[in-house]
Amino acid sequence: MTGHTELSQHRREQVLDEQRHVTEKITDLVRYIGFGVAAICYSIFTSDSAFSKELLNDYKNHLLISAMLAVLTVLFDYLQFLFGYISVRKALRNTTDDYKYLSDNLFYKGRFIFYYTKQITVLSAVLLLLYTLMGNLNG
């Protein structure tokens, strides 16, 4: 029976390693995309090209909202890590409960909220930017 338990534990560790890897990749991609959308919007706002001027004339608010969503994405990415850091510090001080995370704590919950929220904001920023660019190309 111990062999089965060890095998299950090994599989669990493999799944957890994969989860860590995927989570790190998602976080990296969200951050890069957020910075990218902000850079694209900034470039359009500061460009003197006819394309940019036309885009700003027709879709200035769309671009502004997309840029703000991208900046929020980067902010939420930072807050996720800040809340994670604070929840780790709290767990390290939780000596009476074997250093377990305080799952009812605002910082512990906040890191998950910001993880999912930054994905929503970056997806919204990208979709709005694509809508804006496609609308200008079709118009």
C-alpha atoms as a PDB file:
ATOM      1  CA  MET A   1       0.000   0.000   0.000  1.00  0.00           C
ATOM      2  CA  THR A   2       2.904   2.386   0.662  1.00  0.00           C
ATOM      3  CA  GLY A   3       4.101   1.980  -2.936  1.00  0.00           C
ATOM      4  CA  HIS A   4       0.697   3.169  -4.141  1.00  0.00           C
ATOM      5  CA  THR A   5       0.810   6.140  -1.749  1.00  0.00           C
ATOM      6  CA  GLU A   6       4.343   7.061  -2.890  1.00  0.00           C
ATOM      7  CA  LEU A   7       3.265   6.811  -6.543  1.00  0.00           C
ATOM      8  CA  SER A   8       0.237   9.005  -5.878  1.00  0.00           C
ATOM      9  CA  GLN A   9       2.411  11.522  -4.048  1.00  0.00           C
ATOM     10  CA  HIS A  10       4.891  11.522  -6.952  1.00  0.00           C
ATOM     11  CA  ARG A  11       2.084  12.106  -9.470  1.00  0.00           C
ATOM     12  CA  ARG A  12       0.684  14.872  -7.276  1.00  0.00           C
ATOM     13  CA  GLU A  13       4.102  16.563  -7.225  1.00  0.00           C
ATOM     14  CA  GLN A  14       4.317  16.271 -11.020  1.00  0.00           C
ATOM     15  CA  VAL A  15       0.906  17.910 -11.404  1.00  0.00           C
ATOM     16  CA  LEU A  16       1.856  20.667  -8.953  1.00  0.00           C
ATOM     17  CA  ASP A  17       5.104  21.290 -10.864  1.00  0.00           C
ATOM     18  CA  GLU A  18       3.138  21.564 -14.094  1.00  0.00           C
ATOM     19  CA  GLN A  19       0.686  23.953 -12.429  1.00  0.00           C
ATOM     20  CA  ARG A  20       3.582  26.152 -11.242  1.00  0.00           C
ATOM     21  CA  HIS A  21       5.101  26.146 -14.726  1.00  0.00           C
ATOM     22  CA  VAL A  22       1.820  27.040 -16.450  1.00  0.00           C
ATOM     23  CA  THR A  23       0.992  29.715 -13.876  1.00  0.00           C
ATOM     24  CA  GLU A  24       4.423  31.320 -14.341  1.00  0.00           C
ATOM     25  CA  LYS A  25       3.997  31.304 -18.125  1.00  0.00           C
ATOM     26  CA  ILE A  26       0.526  32.834 -17.903  1.00  0.00           C
ATOM     27  CA  THR A  27       1.853  35.548 -15.607  1.00  0.00           C
ATOM     28  CA  ASP A  28       4.768  36.305 -17.947  1.00  0.00           C
ATOM     29  CA  LEU A  29       2.519  36.433 -21.003  1.00  0.00           C
ATOM     30  CA  VAL A  30      -0.077  38.621 -19.306  1.00  0.00           C
ATOM     31  CA  ARG A  31       2.656  41.055 -18.276  1.00  0.00           C
ATOM     32  CA  TYR A  32       4.237  41.166 -21.751  1.00  0.00           C
ATOM     33  CA  ILE A  33       0.882  41.595 -23.461  1.00  0.00           C
ATOM     34  CA  GLY A  34      -0.105  44.344 -21.024  1.00  0.00           C
ATOM     35  CA  PHE A  35       3.110  46.251 -21.699  1.00  0.00           C
ATOM     36  CA  GLY A  36       2.705  45.607 -25.428  1.00  0.00           C
ATOM     37  CA  VAL A  37      -0.833  46.974 -25.610  1.00  0.00           C
ATOM     38  CA  ALA A  38       0.208  50.033 -23.596  1.00  0.00           C
ATOM     39  CA  ALA A  39       3.162  50.579 -25.954  1.00  0.00           C
ATOM     40  CA  ILE A  40       0.984  50.244 -29.057  1.00  0.00           C
ATOM     41  CA  CYS A  41      -1.542  52.729 -27.688  1.00  0.00           C
ATOM     42  CA  TYR A  42       1.224  55.136 -26.703  1.00  0.00           C
ATOM     43  CA  SER A  43       2.727  54.858 -30.188  1.00  0.00           C
ATOM     44  CA  ILE A  44      -0.605  55.640 -31.801  1.00  0.00           C
ATOM     45  CA  PHE A  45      -1.199  58.619 -29.504  1.00  0.00           C
ATOM     46  CA  THR A  46       2.239  60.089 -30.201  1.00  0.00           C
ATOM     47  CA  SER A  47       2.500  59.332 -33.913  1.00  0.00           C
ATOM     48  CA  ASP A  48       1.997  61.884 -36.666  1.00  0.00           C
ATOM     49  CA  SER A  49       1.101  59.283 -39.298  1.00  0.00           C
ATOM     50  CA  ALA A  50      -2.149  59.542 -41.239  1.00  0.00           C
ATOM     51  CA  PHE A  51      -3.186  56.110 -39.935  1.00  0.00           C
ATOM     52  CA  SER A  52      -2.739  57.178 -36.308  1.00  0.00           C
ATOM     53  CA  LYS A  53      -4.510  60.494 -36.827  1.00  0.00           C
ATOM     54  CA  GLU A  54      -7.470  58.750 -38.456  1.00  0.00           C
ATOM     55  CA  LEU A  55      -7.535  56.134 -35.724  1.00  0.00           C
ATOM     56  CA  LEU A  56      -7.501  58.783 -33.016  1.00  0.00           C
ATOM     57  CA  ASN A  57     -10.188  60.767 -34.796  1.00  0.00           C
ATOM     58  CA  ASP A  58     -12.555  57.788 -34.895  1.00  0.00           C
ATOM     59  CA  TYR A  59     -11.501  55.639 -31.935  1.00  0.00           C
ATOM     60  CA  LYS A  60      -9.701  57.809 -29.399  1.00  0.00           C
ATOM     61  CA  ASN A  61     -11.835  56.625 -26.457  1.00  0.00           C
ATOM     62  CA  HIS A  62     -11.407  52.977 -27.446  1.00  0.00           C
ATOM     63  CA  LEU A  63      -7.640  53.404 -27.495  1.00  0.00           C
ATOM     64  CA  LEU A  64      -7.653  55.256 -24.205  1.00  0.00           C
ATOM     65  CA  ILE A  65      -9.704  52.522 -22.526  1.00  0.00           C
ATOM     66  CA  SER A  66      -7.482  49.826 -24.022  1.00  0.00           C
ATOM     67  CA  ALA A  67      -4.384  51.608 -22.703  1.00  0.00           C
ATOM     68  CA  MET A  68      -5.958  51.994 -19.258  1.00  0.00           C
ATOM     69  CA  LEU A  69      -6.866  48.295 -19.176  1.00  0.00           C
ATOM     70  CA  ALA A  70      -3.280  47.429 -20.122  1.00  0.00           C
ATOM     71  CA  VAL A  71      -1.912  49.615 -17.328  1.00  0.00           C
ATOM     72  CA  LEU A  72      -4.387  48.050 -14.893  1.00  0.00           C
ATOM     73  CA  THR A  73      -3.133  44.639 -15.993  1.00  0.00           C
ATOM     74  CA  VAL A  74       0.413  45.554 -15.015  1.00  0.00           C
ATOM     75  CA  LEU A  75      -0.832  47.029 -11.728  1.00  0.00           C
ATOM     76  CA  PHE A  76      -2.826  43.870 -10.936  1.00  0.00           C
ATOM     77  CA  ASP A  77       0.238  41.760 -11.766  1.00  0.00           C
ATOM     78  CA  TYR A  78       2.246  43.760  -9.248  1.00  0.00           C
ATOM     79  CA  LEU A  79      -0.521  43.574  -6.630  1.00  0.00           C
ATOM     80  CA  GLN A  80      -0.785  39.808  -7.071  1.00  0.00           C
ATOM     81  CA  PHE A  81       2.879  39.444  -6.193  1.00  0.00           C
ATOM     82  CA  LEU A  82       2.709  41.985  -3.377  1.00  0.00           C
ATOM     83  CA  PHE A  83      -0.267  40.192  -1.816  1.00  0.00           C
ATOM     84  CA  GLY A  84       1.521  36.876  -2.323  1.00  0.00           C
ATOM     85  CA  TYR A  85       4.588  38.208  -0.555  1.00  0.00           C
ATOM     86  CA  ILE A  86       2.525  39.454   2.383  1.00  0.00           C
ATOM     87  CA  SER A  87       0.612  36.166   2.667  1.00  0.00           C
ATOM     88  CA  VAL A  88       3.898  34.220   2.669  1.00  0.00           C
ATOM     89  CA  ARG A  89       5.220  36.483   5.437  1.00  0.00           C
ATOM     90  CA  LYS A  90       2.050  35.856   7.444  1.00  0.00           C
ATOM     91  CA  ALA A  91       2.399  32.093   6.924  1.00  0.00           C
ATOM     92  CA  LEU A  92       5.989  32.222   8.156  1.00  0.00           C
ATOM     93  CA  ARG A  93       4.777  33.887  11.353  1.00  0.00           C
ATOM     94  CA  ASN A  94       2.055  31.254  11.795  1.00  0.00           C
ATOM     95  CA  THR A  95       4.213  28.957  13.923  1.00  0.00           C
ATOM     96  CA  THR A  96       1.311  27.635  16.001  1.00  0.00           C
ATOM     97  CA  ASP A  97      -0.371  26.175  12.907  1.00  0.00           C
ATOM     98  CA  ASP A  98       2.755  24.681  11.283  1.00  0.00           C
ATOM     99  CA  TYR A  99       3.362  27.694   8.974  1.00  0.00           C
ATOM    100  CA  LYS A 100       0.133  27.204   7.058  1.00  0.00           C
ATOM    101  CA  TYR A 101      -1.306  29.949   4.913  1.00  0.00           C
ATOM    102  CA  LEU A 102      -4.120  31.906   6.512  1.00  0.00           C
ATOM    103  CA  SER A 103      -6.692  31.121   3.819  1.00  0.00           C
ATOM    104  CA  ASP A 104      -9.296  33.489   5.255  1.00  0.00           C
ATOM    105  CA  ASN A 105      -6.842  36.410   5.118  1.00  0.00           C
ATOM    106  CA  LEU A 106      -7.462  39.278   2.656  1.00  0.00           C
ATOM    107  CA  PHE A 107      -3.910  39.079   1.272  1.00  0.00           C
ATOM    108  CA  TYR A 108      -4.125  35.338   0.660  1.00  0.00           C
ATOM    109  CA  LYS A 109      -7.437  35.720  -1.188  1.00  0.00           C
ATOM    110  CA  GLY A 110      -6.276  38.872  -2.947  1.00  0.00           C
ATOM    111  CA  ARG A 111      -3.407  37.174  -4.739  1.00  0.00           C
ATOM    112  CA  PHE A 112      -5.874  34.832  -6.440  1.00  0.00           C
ATOM    113  CA  ILE A 113      -8.316  37.627  -7.187  1.00  0.00           C
ATOM    114  CA  PHE A 114      -5.565  39.678  -8.851  1.00  0.00           C
ATOM    115  CA  TYR A 115      -4.305  36.615 -10.761  1.00  0.00           C
ATOM    116  CA  TYR A 116      -7.690  36.189 -12.426  1.00  0.00           C
ATOM    117  CA  THR A 117      -8.497  39.891 -12.687  1.00  0.00           C
ATOM    118  CA  LYS A 118      -5.298  40.665 -14.605  1.00  0.00           C
ATOM    119  CA  GLN A 119      -6.243  38.016 -17.147  1.00  0.00           C
ATOM    120  CA  ILE A 120      -9.647  39.621 -17.641  1.00  0.00           C
ATOM    121  CA  THR A 121      -8.170  43.104 -18.040  1.00  0.00           C
ATOM    122  CA  VAL A 122      -5.475  42.027 -20.497  1.00  0.00           C
ATOM    123  CA  LEU A 123      -7.963  40.050 -22.590  1.00  0.00           C
ATOM    124  CA  SER A 124     -10.322  43.043 -22.611  1.00  0.00           C
ATOM    125  CA  ALA A 125      -7.479  45.390 -23.596  1.00  0.00           C
ATOM    126  CA  VAL A 126      -6.397  43.155 -26.475  1.00  0.00           C
ATOM    127  CA  LEU A 127      -9.928  42.578 -27.768  1.00  0.00           C
ATOM    128  CA  LEU A 128     -10.726  46.286 -27.637  1.00  0.00           C
ATOM    129  CA  LEU A 129      -7.478  47.147 -29.408  1.00  0.00           C
ATOM    130  CA  LEU A 130      -8.151  44.541 -32.096  1.00  0.00           C
ATOM    131  CA  TYR A 131     -11.711  45.819 -32.521  1.00  0.00           C
ATOM    132  CA  THR A 132     -10.366  49.349 -32.878  1.00  0.00           C
ATOM    133  CA  LEU A 133      -7.719  48.400 -35.417  1.00  0.00           C
ATOM    134  CA  MET A 134     -10.076  46.214 -37.440  1.00  0.00           C
ATOM    135  CA  GLY A 135     -12.760  48.891 -37.358  1.00  0.00           C
ATOM    136  CA  ASN A 136     -10.331  51.420 -38.751  1.00  0.00           C
ATOM    137  CA  LEU A 137      -9.092  49.042 -41.451  1.00  0.00           C
ATOM    138  CA  ASN A 138     -12.656  48.168 -42.514  1.00  0.00           C
ATOM    139  CA  GLY A 139     -13.896  51.759 -42.350  1.00  0.00           C
END
